[in-house]
All heavy atoms as atom14 arrays in JSON, in Angstrom:
{
  "sequence": "FPIGKTMEKIIPKSRFFNPGPFNLKEHVLITTMANCSYTTAYAID",
  "atom14_mask": [
    [1, 1, 1, 1, 1, 1, 1, 1, 1, 1, 1, 0, 0, 0],
    [1, 1, 1, 1, 1, 1, 1, 0, 0, 0, 0, 0, 0, 0],
    [1, 1, 1, 1, 1, 1, 1, 1, 0, 0, 0, 0, 0, 0],
    [1, 1, 1, 1, 0, 0, 0, 0, 0, 0, 0, 0, 0, 0],
    [1, 1, 1, 1, 1, 1, 1, 1, 1, 0, 0, 0, 0, 0],
    [1, 1, 1, 1, 1, 1, 1, 0, 0, 0, 0, 0, 0, 0],
    [1, 1, 1, 1, 1, 1, 1, 1, 0, 0, 0, 0, 0, 0],
    [1, 1, 1, 1, 1, 1, 1, 1, 1, 0, 0, 0, 0, 0],
    [1, 1, 1, 1, 1, 1, 1, 1, 1, 0, 0, 0, 0, 0],
    [1, 1, 1, 1, 1, 1, 1, 1, 0, 0, 0, 0, 0, 0],
    [1, 1, 1, 1, 1, 1, 1, 1, 0, 0, 0, 0, 0, 0],
    [1, 1, 1, 1, 1, 1, 1, 0, 0, 0, 0, 0, 0, 0],
    [1, 1, 1, 1, 1, 1, 1, 1, 1, 0, 0, 0, 0, 0],
    [1, 1, 1, 1, 1, 1, 0, 0, 0, 0, 0, 0, 0, 0],
    [1, 1, 1, 1, 1, 1, 1, 1, 1, 1, 1, 0, 0, 0],
    [1, 1, 1, 1, 1, 1, 1, 1, 1, 1, 1, 0, 0, 0],
    [1, 1, 1, 1, 1, 1, 1, 1, 1, 1, 1, 0, 0, 0],
    [1, 1, 1, 1, 1, 1, 1, 1, 0, 0, 0, 0, 0, 0],
    [1, 1, 1, 1, 1, 1, 1, 0, 0, 0, 0, 0, 0, 0],
    [1, 1, 1, 1, 0, 0, 0, 0, 0, 0, 0, 0, 0, 0],
    [1, 1, 1, 1, 1, 1, 1, 0, 0, 0, 0, 0, 0, 0],
    [1, 1, 1, 1, 1, 1, 1, 1, 1, 1, 1, 0, 0, 0],
    [1, 1, 1, 1, 1, 1, 1, 1, 0, 0, 0, 0, 0, 0],
    [1, 1, 1, 1, 1, 1, 1, 1, 0, 0, 0, 0, 0, 0],
    [1, 1, 1, 1, 1, 1, 1, 1, 1, 0, 0, 0, 0, 0],
    [1, 1, 1, 1, 1, 1, 1, 1, 1, 0, 0, 0, 0, 0],
    [1, 1, 1, 1, 1, 1, 1, 1, 1, 1, 0, 0, 0, 0],
    [1, 1, 1, 1, 1, 1, 1, 0, 0, 0, 0, 0, 0, 0],
    [1, 1, 1, 1, 1, 1, 1, 1, 0, 0, 0, 0, 0, 0],
    [1, 1, 1, 1, 1, 1, 1, 1, 0, 0, 0, 0, 0, 0],
    [1, 1, 1, 1, 1, 1, 1, 0, 0, 0, 0, 0, 0, 0],
    [1, 1, 1, 1, 1, 1, 1, 0, 0, 0, 0, 0, 0, 0],
    [1, 1, 1, 1, 1, 1, 1, 1, 0, 0, 0, 0, 0, 0],
    [1, 1, 1, 1, 1, 0, 0, 0, 0, 0, 0, 0, 0, 0],
    [1, 1, 1, 1, 1, 1, 1, 1, 0, 0, 0, 0, 0, 0],
    [1, 1, 1, 1, 1, 1, 0, 0, 0, 0, 0, 0, 0, 0],
    [1, 1, 1, 1, 1, 1, 0, 0, 0, 0, 0, 0, 0, 0],
    [1, 1, 1, 1, 1, 1, 1, 1, 1, 1, 1, 1, 0, 0],
    [1, 1, 1, 1, 1, 1, 1, 0, 0, 0, 0, 0, 0, 0],
    [1, 1, 1, 1, 1, 1, 1, 0, 0, 0, 0, 0, 0, 0],
    [1, 1, 1, 1, 1, 0, 0, 0, 0, 0, 0, 0, 0, 0],
    [1, 1, 1, 1, 1, 1, 1, 1, 1, 1, 1, 1, 0, 0],
    [1, 1, 1, 1, 1, 0, 0, 0, 0, 0, 0, 0, 0, 0],
    [1, 1, 1, 1, 1, 1, 1, 1, 0, 0, 0, 0, 0, 0],
    [1, 1, 1, 1, 1, 1, 1, 1, 0, 0, 0, 0, 0, 0]
  ],
  "atom14_positions": [
    [[53.71, 217.98, -24.34], [53.41, 218.9, -23.24], [53.79, 220.35, -23.55], [52.93, 221.25, -23.45], [54.08, 218.44, -21.95], [53.81, 219.32, -20.77], [52.57, 219.3, -20.14], [54.77, 220.2, -20.31], [52.31, 220.12, -19.06], [54.52, 221.03, -19.23], [53.28, 220.99, -18.62], [0.0, 0.0, 0.0], [0.0, 0.0, 0.0], [0.0, 0.0, 0.0]],
    [[55.04, 220.65, -23.94], [55.35, 222.06, -24.23], [54.57, 222.62, -25.4], [54.21, 223.8, -25.41], [56.86, 222.04, -24.52], [57.16, 220.65, -24.89], [56.23, 219.8, -24.09], [0.0, 0.0, 0.0], [0.0, 0.0, 0.0], [0.0, 0.0, 0.0], [0.0, 0.0, 0.0], [0.0, 0.0, 0.0], [0.0, 0.0, 0.0], [0.0, 0.0, 0.0]],
    [[54.28, 221.77, -26.39], [53.49, 222.26, -27.53], [52.06, 222.56, -27.08], [51.48, 223.6, -27.45], [53.49, 221.23, -28.68], [54.91, 221.03, -29.2], [52.57, 221.68, -29.8], [55.02, 219.99, -30.3], [0.0, 0.0, 0.0], [0.0, 0.0, 0.0], [0.0, 0.0, 0.0], [0.0, 0.0, 0.0], [0.0, 0.0, 0.0], [0.0, 0.0, 0.0]],
    [[51.5, 221.66, -26.27], [50.15, 221.91, -25.76], [50.07, 223.16, -24.91], [49.11, 223.94, -25.01], [0.0, 0.0, 0.0], [0.0, 0.0, 0.0], [0.0, 0.0, 0.0], [0.0, 0.0, 0.0], [0.0, 0.0, 0.0], [0.0, 0.0, 0.0], [0.0, 0.0, 0.0], [0.0, 0.0, 0.0], [0.0, 0.0, 0.0], [0.0, 0.0, 0.0]],
    [[51.08, 223.38, -24.07], [51.1, 224.59, -23.24], [51.26, 225.84, -24.1], [50.68, 226.89, -23.8], [52.24, 224.51, -22.22], [52.12, 223.36, -21.22], [50.83, 223.38, -20.45], [50.77, 224.51, -19.45], [49.52, 224.47, -18.64], [0.0, 0.0, 0.0], [0.0, 0.0, 0.0], [0.0, 0.0, 0.0], [0.0, 0.0, 0.0], [0.0, 0.0, 0.0]],
    [[52.03, 225.73, -25.17], [52.18, 226.88, -26.07], [50.86, 227.2, -26.76], [50.46, 228.37, -26.86], [53.27, 226.58, -27.13], [54.51, 226.31, -26.46], [53.44, 227.76, -28.06], [0.0, 0.0, 0.0], [0.0, 0.0, 0.0], [0.0, 0.0, 0.0], [0.0, 0.0, 0.0], [0.0, 0.0, 0.0], [0.0, 0.0, 0.0], [0.0, 0.0, 0.0]],
    [[50.16, 226.16, -27.22], [48.85, 226.38, -27.86], [47.86, 226.98, -26.88], [47.02, 227.8, -27.25], [48.32, 225.05, -28.43], [49.17, 224.47, -29.54], [48.6, 222.85, -30.11], [47.12, 223.31, -31.03], [0.0, 0.0, 0.0], [0.0, 0.0, 0.0], [0.0, 0.0, 0.0], [0.0, 0.0, 0.0], [0.0, 0.0, 0.0], [0.0, 0.0, 0.0]],
    [[47.97, 226.57, -25.63], [47.1, 227.13, -24.59], [47.27, 228.64, -24.47], [46.31, 229.37, -24.21], [47.43, 226.44, -23.27], [46.93, 227.12, -22.03], [47.65, 226.65, -20.78], [47.9, 225.43, -20.68], [47.96, 227.49, -19.92], [0.0, 0.0, 0.0], [0.0, 0.0, 0.0], [0.0, 0.0, 0.0], [0.0, 0.0, 0.0], [0.0, 0.0, 0.0]],
    [[48.49, 229.12, -24.67], [48.78, 230.54, -24.47], [48.53, 231.39, -25.7], [48.2, 232.58, -25.58], [50.24, 230.7, -24.02], [50.54, 230.06, -22.68], [51.98, 230.26, -22.27], [52.32, 229.53, -20.98], [51.44, 229.91, -19.86], [0.0, 0.0, 0.0], [0.0, 0.0, 0.0], [0.0, 0.0, 0.0], [0.0, 0.0, 0.0], [0.0, 0.0, 0.0]],
    [[48.68, 230.83, -26.91], [48.62, 231.66, -28.12], [47.3, 231.57, -28.87], [46.97, 232.47, -29.64], [49.77, 231.32, -29.08], [49.64, 229.89, -29.62], [51.13, 231.51, -28.4], [50.69, 229.54, -30.67], [0.0, 0.0, 0.0], [0.0, 0.0, 0.0], [0.0, 0.0, 0.0], [0.0, 0.0, 0.0], [0.0, 0.0, 0.0], [0.0, 0.0, 0.0]],
    [[46.52, 230.49, -28.66], [45.25, 230.35, -29.37], [44.16, 231.08, -28.59], [44.07, 230.94, -27.36], [44.89, 228.86, -29.55], [45.93, 228.17, -30.43], [43.5, 228.71, -30.16], [45.67, 226.69, -30.63], [0.0, 0.0, 0.0], [0.0, 0.0, 0.0], [0.0, 0.0, 0.0], [0.0, 0.0, 0.0], [0.0, 0.0, 0.0], [0.0, 0.0, 0.0]],
    [[43.33, 231.87, -29.26], [42.23, 232.56, -28.57], [41.32, 231.58, -27.82], [41.1, 230.45, -28.28], [41.49, 233.26, -29.71], [42.51, 233.41, -30.79], [43.39, 232.21, -30.7], [0.0, 0.0, 0.0], [0.0, 0.0, 0.0], [0.0, 0.0, 0.0], [0.0, 0.0, 0.0], [0.0, 0.0, 0.0], [0.0, 0.0, 0.0], [0.0, 0.0, 0.0]],
    [[40.79, 232.0, -26.7], [39.94, 231.15, -25.89], [38.7, 230.72, -26.66], [38.05, 231.53, -27.33], [39.52, 231.87, -24.61], [40.68, 232.26, -23.69], [41.42, 231.03, -23.18], [42.57, 231.41, -22.25], [43.31, 230.24, -21.78], [0.0, 0.0, 0.0], [0.0, 0.0, 0.0], [0.0, 0.0, 0.0], [0.0, 0.0, 0.0], [0.0, 0.0, 0.0]],
    [[38.39, 229.43, -26.55], [37.24, 228.87, -27.26], [36.91, 227.53, -26.63], [37.8, 226.84, -26.12], [37.57, 228.7, -28.75], [36.63, 227.85, -29.38], [0.0, 0.0, 0.0], [0.0, 0.0, 0.0], [0.0, 0.0, 0.0], [0.0, 0.0, 0.0], [0.0, 0.0, 0.0], [0.0, 0.0, 0.0], [0.0, 0.0, 0.0], [0.0, 0.0, 0.0]],
    [[35.61, 227.15, -26.65], [35.22, 225.87, -26.07], [35.96, 224.71, -26.72], [36.28, 223.72, -26.07], [33.71, 225.64, -26.25], [32.85, 226.34, -25.23], [31.42, 225.86, -25.32], [30.92, 225.88, -26.71], [29.7, 225.51, -27.06], [28.85, 225.11, -26.14], [29.32, 225.56, -28.31], [0.0, 0.0, 0.0], [0.0, 0.0, 0.0], [0.0, 0.0, 0.0]],
    [[36.22, 224.8, -28.02], [36.86, 223.72, -28.75], [38.34, 223.97, -28.97], [39.18, 223.12, -28.71], [36.15, 223.51, -30.09], [36.82, 222.53, -31.02], [37.12, 221.24, -30.59], [37.16, 222.89, -32.31], [37.74, 220.34, -31.44], [37.78, 221.99, -33.17], [38.07, 220.72, -32.73], [0.0, 0.0, 0.0], [0.0, 0.0, 0.0], [0.0, 0.0, 0.0]],
    [[38.69, 225.16, -29.45], [40.08, 225.42, -29.82], [40.98, 225.65, -28.62], [42.13, 225.23, -28.6], [40.15, 226.61, -30.77], [39.59, 226.33, -32.13], [38.31, 226.73, -32.47], [40.34, 225.64, -33.06], [37.78, 226.45, -33.72], [39.83, 225.35, -34.32], [38.54, 225.76, -34.65], [0.0, 0.0, 0.0], [0.0, 0.0, 0.0], [0.0, 0.0, 0.0]],
    [[40.48, 226.31, -27.58], [41.31, 226.56, -26.41], [40.41, 226.75, -25.2], [40.15, 227.87, -24.75], [42.19, 227.8, -26.63], [43.19, 228.0, -25.52], [43.33, 227.16, -24.63], [43.89, 229.12, -25.56], [0.0, 0.0, 0.0], [0.0, 0.0, 0.0], [0.0, 0.0, 0.0], [0.0, 0.0, 0.0], [0.0, 0.0, 0.0], [0.0, 0.0, 0.0]],
    [[39.91, 225.64, -24.63], [38.95, 225.75, -23.52], [39.59, 226.03, -22.16], [38.87, 226.13, -21.17], [38.29, 224.37, -23.53], [39.36, 223.47, -24.04], [40.15, 224.26, -25.03], [0.0, 0.0, 0.0], [0.0, 0.0, 0.0], [0.0, 0.0, 0.0], [0.0, 0.0, 0.0], [0.0, 0.0, 0.0], [0.0, 0.0, 0.0], [0.0, 0.0, 0.0]],
    [[40.92, 226.14, -22.11], [41.58, 226.39, -20.83], [42.95, 225.75, -20.82], [43.51, 225.42, -21.87], [0.0, 0.0, 0.0], [0.0, 0.0, 0.0], [0.0, 0.0, 0.0], [0.0, 0.0, 0.0], [0.0, 0.0, 0.0], [0.0, 0.0, 0.0], [0.0, 0.0, 0.0], [0.0, 0.0, 0.0], [0.0, 0.0, 0.0], [0.0, 0.0, 0.0]],
    [[43.52, 225.57, -19.64], [44.86, 224.99, -19.55], [44.93, 223.6, -20.18], [43.98, 222.81, -20.1], [45.12, 224.92, -18.04], [44.23, 225.97, -17.46], [43.0, 225.98, -18.33], [0.0, 0.0, 0.0], [0.0, 0.0, 0.0], [0.0, 0.0, 0.0], [0.0, 0.0, 0.0], [0.0, 0.0, 0.0], [0.0, 0.0, 0.0], [0.0, 0.0, 0.0]],
    [[46.05, 223.32, -20.82], [46.3, 222.0, -21.38], [46.36, 221.0, -20.23], [47.2, 221.1, -19.34], [47.62, 222.02, -22.15], [47.99, 220.71, -22.78], [47.26, 220.21, -23.85], [49.09, 219.98, -22.33], [47.6, 219.0, -24.45], [49.44, 218.79, -22.92], [48.7, 218.29, -23.98], [0.0, 0.0, 0.0], [0.0, 0.0, 0.0], [0.0, 0.0, 0.0]],
    [[45.44, 220.03, -20.23], [45.29, 219.19, -19.05], [45.79, 217.76, -19.27], [46.08, 217.34, -20.4], [43.84, 219.2, -18.57], [42.9, 218.58, -19.58], [42.92, 217.38, -19.84], [42.03, 219.42, -20.18], [0.0, 0.0, 0.0], [0.0, 0.0, 0.0], [0.0, 0.0, 0.0], [0.0, 0.0, 0.0], [0.0, 0.0, 0.0], [0.0, 0.0, 0.0]],
    [[45.85, 217.03, -18.18], [46.4, 215.68, -18.2], [45.59, 214.75, -19.1], [46.16, 213.89, -19.77], [46.45, 215.13, -16.77], [47.02, 213.71, -16.63], [47.97, 213.64, -15.45], [45.9, 212.69, -16.45], [0.0, 0.0, 0.0], [0.0, 0.0, 0.0], [0.0, 0.0, 0.0], [0.0, 0.0, 0.0], [0.0, 0.0, 0.0], [0.0, 0.0, 0.0]],
    [[44.28, 214.89, -19.13], [43.47, 213.97, -19.94], [43.72, 214.17, -21.42], [43.78, 213.19, -22.19], [41.99, 214.15, -19.59], [41.67, 213.78, -18.15], [40.19, 213.82, -17.85], [39.92, 213.5, -16.38], [38.5, 213.43, -16.06], [0.0, 0.0, 0.0], [0.0, 0.0, 0.0], [0.0, 0.0, 0.0], [0.0, 0.0, 0.0], [0.0, 0.0, 0.0]],
    [[43.87, 215.41, -21.86], [44.26, 215.66, -23.24], [45.61, 215.01, -23.53], [45.81, 214.39, -24.59], [44.35, 217.16, -23.51], [43.04, 217.91, -23.48], [43.28, 219.4, -23.66], [43.66, 220.07, -22.67], [43.1, 219.9, -24.79], [0.0, 0.0, 0.0], [0.0, 0.0, 0.0], [0.0, 0.0, 0.0], [0.0, 0.0, 0.0], [0.0, 0.0, 0.0]],
    [[46.52, 215.16, -22.6], [47.88, 214.62, -22.74], [47.83, 213.1, -22.87], [48.52, 212.51, -23.73], [48.69, 215.03, -21.51], [50.17, 214.98, -21.73], [51.07, 215.44, -20.8], [50.92, 214.5, -22.74], [52.29, 215.27, -21.25], [52.24, 214.69, -22.42], [0.0, 0.0, 0.0], [0.0, 0.0, 0.0], [0.0, 0.0, 0.0], [0.0, 0.0, 0.0]],
    [[47.03, 212.45, -22.06], [46.89, 211.0, -22.12], [46.3, 210.56, -23.46], [46.76, 209.58, -24.07], [46.03, 210.49, -20.95], [45.66, 209.02, -21.14], [46.75, 210.68, -19.62], [0.0, 0.0, 0.0], [0.0, 0.0, 0.0], [0.0, 0.0, 0.0], [0.0, 0.0, 0.0], [0.0, 0.0, 0.0], [0.0, 0.0, 0.0], [0.0, 0.0, 0.0]],
    [[45.29, 211.26, -23.93], [44.65, 210.89, -25.2], [45.61, 211.04, -26.38], [45.63, 210.21, -27.29], [43.4, 211.73, -25.41], [42.21, 211.38, -24.52], [41.11, 212.44, -24.65], [41.66, 210.01, -24.86], [0.0, 0.0, 0.0], [0.0, 0.0, 0.0], [0.0, 0.0, 0.0], [0.0, 0.0, 0.0], [0.0, 0.0, 0.0], [0.0, 0.0, 0.0]],
    [[46.4, 212.11, -26.37], [47.4, 212.3, -27.44], [48.39, 211.15, -27.44], [48.7, 210.57, -28.5], [48.13, 213.65, -27.25], [47.18, 214.81, -27.47], [49.33, 213.76, -28.19], [47.72, 216.15, -26.99], [0.0, 0.0, 0.0], [0.0, 0.0, 0.0], [0.0, 0.0, 0.0], [0.0, 0.0, 0.0], [0.0, 0.0, 0.0], [0.0, 0.0, 0.0]],
    [[48.89, 210.8, -26.27], [49.87, 209.72, -26.16], [49.25, 208.38, -26.54], [49.89, 207.55, -27.2], [50.44, 209.66, -24.74], [50.93, 210.95, -24.37], [51.55, 208.65, -24.64], [0.0, 0.0, 0.0], [0.0, 0.0, 0.0], [0.0, 0.0, 0.0], [0.0, 0.0, 0.0], [0.0, 0.0, 0.0], [0.0, 0.0, 0.0], [0.0, 0.0, 0.0]],
    [[48.01, 208.15, -26.14], [47.33, 206.9, -26.47], [47.15, 206.76, -27.97], [47.36, 205.67, -28.54], [45.97, 206.84, -25.77], [46.16, 206.88, -24.34], [45.22, 205.57, -26.14], [0.0, 0.0, 0.0], [0.0, 0.0, 0.0], [0.0, 0.0, 0.0], [0.0, 0.0, 0.0], [0.0, 0.0, 0.0], [0.0, 0.0, 0.0], [0.0, 0.0, 0.0]],
    [[46.76, 207.84, -28.65], [46.59, 207.78, -30.09], [47.9, 207.4, -30.77], [47.94, 206.56, -31.67], [46.08, 209.12, -30.64], [45.63, 209.06, -32.09], [45.13, 210.66, -32.79], [43.77, 211.13, -31.74], [0.0, 0.0, 0.0], [0.0, 0.0, 0.0], [0.0, 0.0, 0.0], [0.0, 0.0, 0.0], [0.0, 0.0, 0.0], [0.0, 0.0, 0.0]],
    [[49.0, 208.02, -30.32], [50.31, 207.69, -30.88], [50.74, 206.28, -30.53], [51.37, 205.58, -31.34], [51.34, 208.7, -30.4], [0.0, 0.0, 0.0], [0.0, 0.0, 0.0], [0.0, 0.0, 0.0], [0.0, 0.0, 0.0], [0.0, 0.0, 0.0], [0.0, 0.0, 0.0], [0.0, 0.0, 0.0], [0.0, 0.0, 0.0], [0.0, 0.0, 0.0]],
    [[50.38, 205.82, -29.33], [50.76, 204.48, -28.9], [50.14, 203.39, -29.76], [50.68, 202.3, -29.88], [50.36, 204.28, -27.43], [50.98, 203.03, -26.84], [52.18, 202.8, -26.94], [50.16, 202.2, -26.22], [0.0, 0.0, 0.0], [0.0, 0.0, 0.0], [0.0, 0.0, 0.0], [0.0, 0.0, 0.0], [0.0, 0.0, 0.0], [0.0, 0.0, 0.0]],
    [[48.99, 203.7, -30.35], [48.32, 202.73, -31.24], [49.04, 202.56, -32.57], [48.69, 201.68, -33.35], [46.87, 203.15, -31.49], [45.82, 203.09, -30.02], [0.0, 0.0, 0.0], [0.0, 0.0, 0.0], [0.0, 0.0, 0.0], [0.0, 0.0, 0.0], [0.0, 0.0, 0.0], [0.0, 0.0, 0.0], [0.0, 0.0, 0.0], [0.0, 0.0, 0.0]],
    [[50.02, 203.42, -32.84], [50.65, 203.39, -34.16], [52.16, 203.24, -34.11], [52.79, 203.07, -35.15], [50.33, 204.69, -34.91], [50.96, 205.79, -34.28], [0.0, 0.0, 0.0], [0.0, 0.0, 0.0], [0.0, 0.0, 0.0], [0.0, 0.0, 0.0], [0.0, 0.0, 0.0], [0.0, 0.0, 0.0], [0.0, 0.0, 0.0], [0.0, 0.0, 0.0]],
    [[52.76, 203.31, -32.93], [54.22, 203.37, -32.91], [54.86, 202.03, -33.28], [55.97, 201.99, -33.82], [54.71, 203.87, -31.55], [55.07, 202.8, -30.54], [56.4, 202.4, -30.38], [54.1, 202.19, -29.75], [56.73, 201.43, -29.46], [54.42, 201.23, -28.83], [55.75, 200.85, -28.69], [56.07, 199.88, -27.77], [0.0, 0.0, 0.0], [0.0, 0.0, 0.0]],
    [[54.19, 200.91, -33.0], [54.7, 199.61, -33.43], [54.27, 199.37, -34.87], [53.08, 199.4, -35.18], [54.17, 198.49, -32.54], [54.53, 198.75, -31.18], [54.75, 197.15, -32.95], [0.0, 0.0, 0.0], [0.0, 0.0, 0.0], [0.0, 0.0, 0.0], [0.0, 0.0, 0.0], [0.0, 0.0, 0.0], [0.0, 0.0, 0.0], [0.0, 0.0, 0.0]],
    [[55.22, 199.13, -35.76], [54.87, 198.95, -37.16], [53.98, 197.72, -37.33], [54.19, 196.69, -36.68], [56.14, 198.78, -38.02], [56.87, 197.64, -37.56], [57.02, 200.01, -37.92], [0.0, 0.0, 0.0], [0.0, 0.0, 0.0], [0.0, 0.0, 0.0], [0.0, 0.0, 0.0], [0.0, 0.0, 0.0], [0.0, 0.0, 0.0], [0.0, 0.0, 0.0]],
    [[53.0, 197.84, -38.19], [52.05, 196.76, -38.41], [52.77, 195.5, -38.89], [53.55, 195.54, -39.85], [51.0, 197.19, -39.43], [0.0, 0.0, 0.0], [0.0, 0.0, 0.0], [0.0, 0.0, 0.0], [0.0, 0.0, 0.0], [0.0, 0.0, 0.0], [0.0, 0.0, 0.0], [0.0, 0.0, 0.0], [0.0, 0.0, 0.0], [0.0, 0.0, 0.0]],
    [[52.51, 194.4, -38.23], [53.16, 193.13, -38.55], [52.89, 192.7, -39.98], [53.74, 192.09, -40.64], [52.63, 192.08, -37.57], [53.54, 190.91, -37.29], [54.76, 191.11, -36.63], [53.19, 189.62, -37.65], [55.58, 190.03, -36.33], [54.0, 188.54, -37.35], [55.2, 188.74, -36.7], [56.02, 187.68, -36.41], [0.0, 0.0, 0.0], [0.0, 0.0, 0.0]],
    [[51.7, 193.04, -40.47], [51.32, 192.62, -41.81], [52.16, 193.27, -42.9], [52.19, 192.78, -44.04], [49.83, 192.94, -42.05], [0.0, 0.0, 0.0], [0.0, 0.0, 0.0], [0.0, 0.0, 0.0], [0.0, 0.0, 0.0], [0.0, 0.0, 0.0], [0.0, 0.0, 0.0], [0.0, 0.0, 0.0], [0.0, 0.0, 0.0], [0.0, 0.0, 0.0]],
    [[52.85, 194.37, -42.58], [53.69, 195.03, -43.58], [54.76, 194.07, -44.09], [55.09, 194.06, -45.29], [54.34, 196.3, -43.0], [53.27, 197.36, -42.72], [55.4, 196.86, -43.94], [52.58, 197.89, -43.95], [0.0, 0.0, 0.0], [0.0, 0.0, 0.0], [0.0, 0.0, 0.0], [0.0, 0.0, 0.0], [0.0, 0.0, 0.0], [0.0, 0.0, 0.0]],
    [[55.29, 193.25, -43.22], [56.31, 192.29, -43.65], [55.76, 191.3, -44.68], [56.48, 190.86, -45.58], [56.86, 191.53, -42.45], [58.04, 192.25, -41.81], [58.73, 193.0, -42.52], [58.28, 192.07, -40.6], [0.0, 0.0, 0.0], [0.0, 0.0, 0.0], [0.0, 0.0, 0.0], [0.0, 0.0, 0.0], [0.0, 0.0, 0.0], [0.0, 0.0, 0.0]]
  ]
}
């Protein structure tokens, strides 16, 4: 969240790079992507 809000303020406005305030859906997607990897793969053992 604080990193996203910082990027919102310092990156020039752009449809892709900075389309507006850092929003909840972006936040959910970031967390979901990390959630898919935080448990170490069982096959590693």
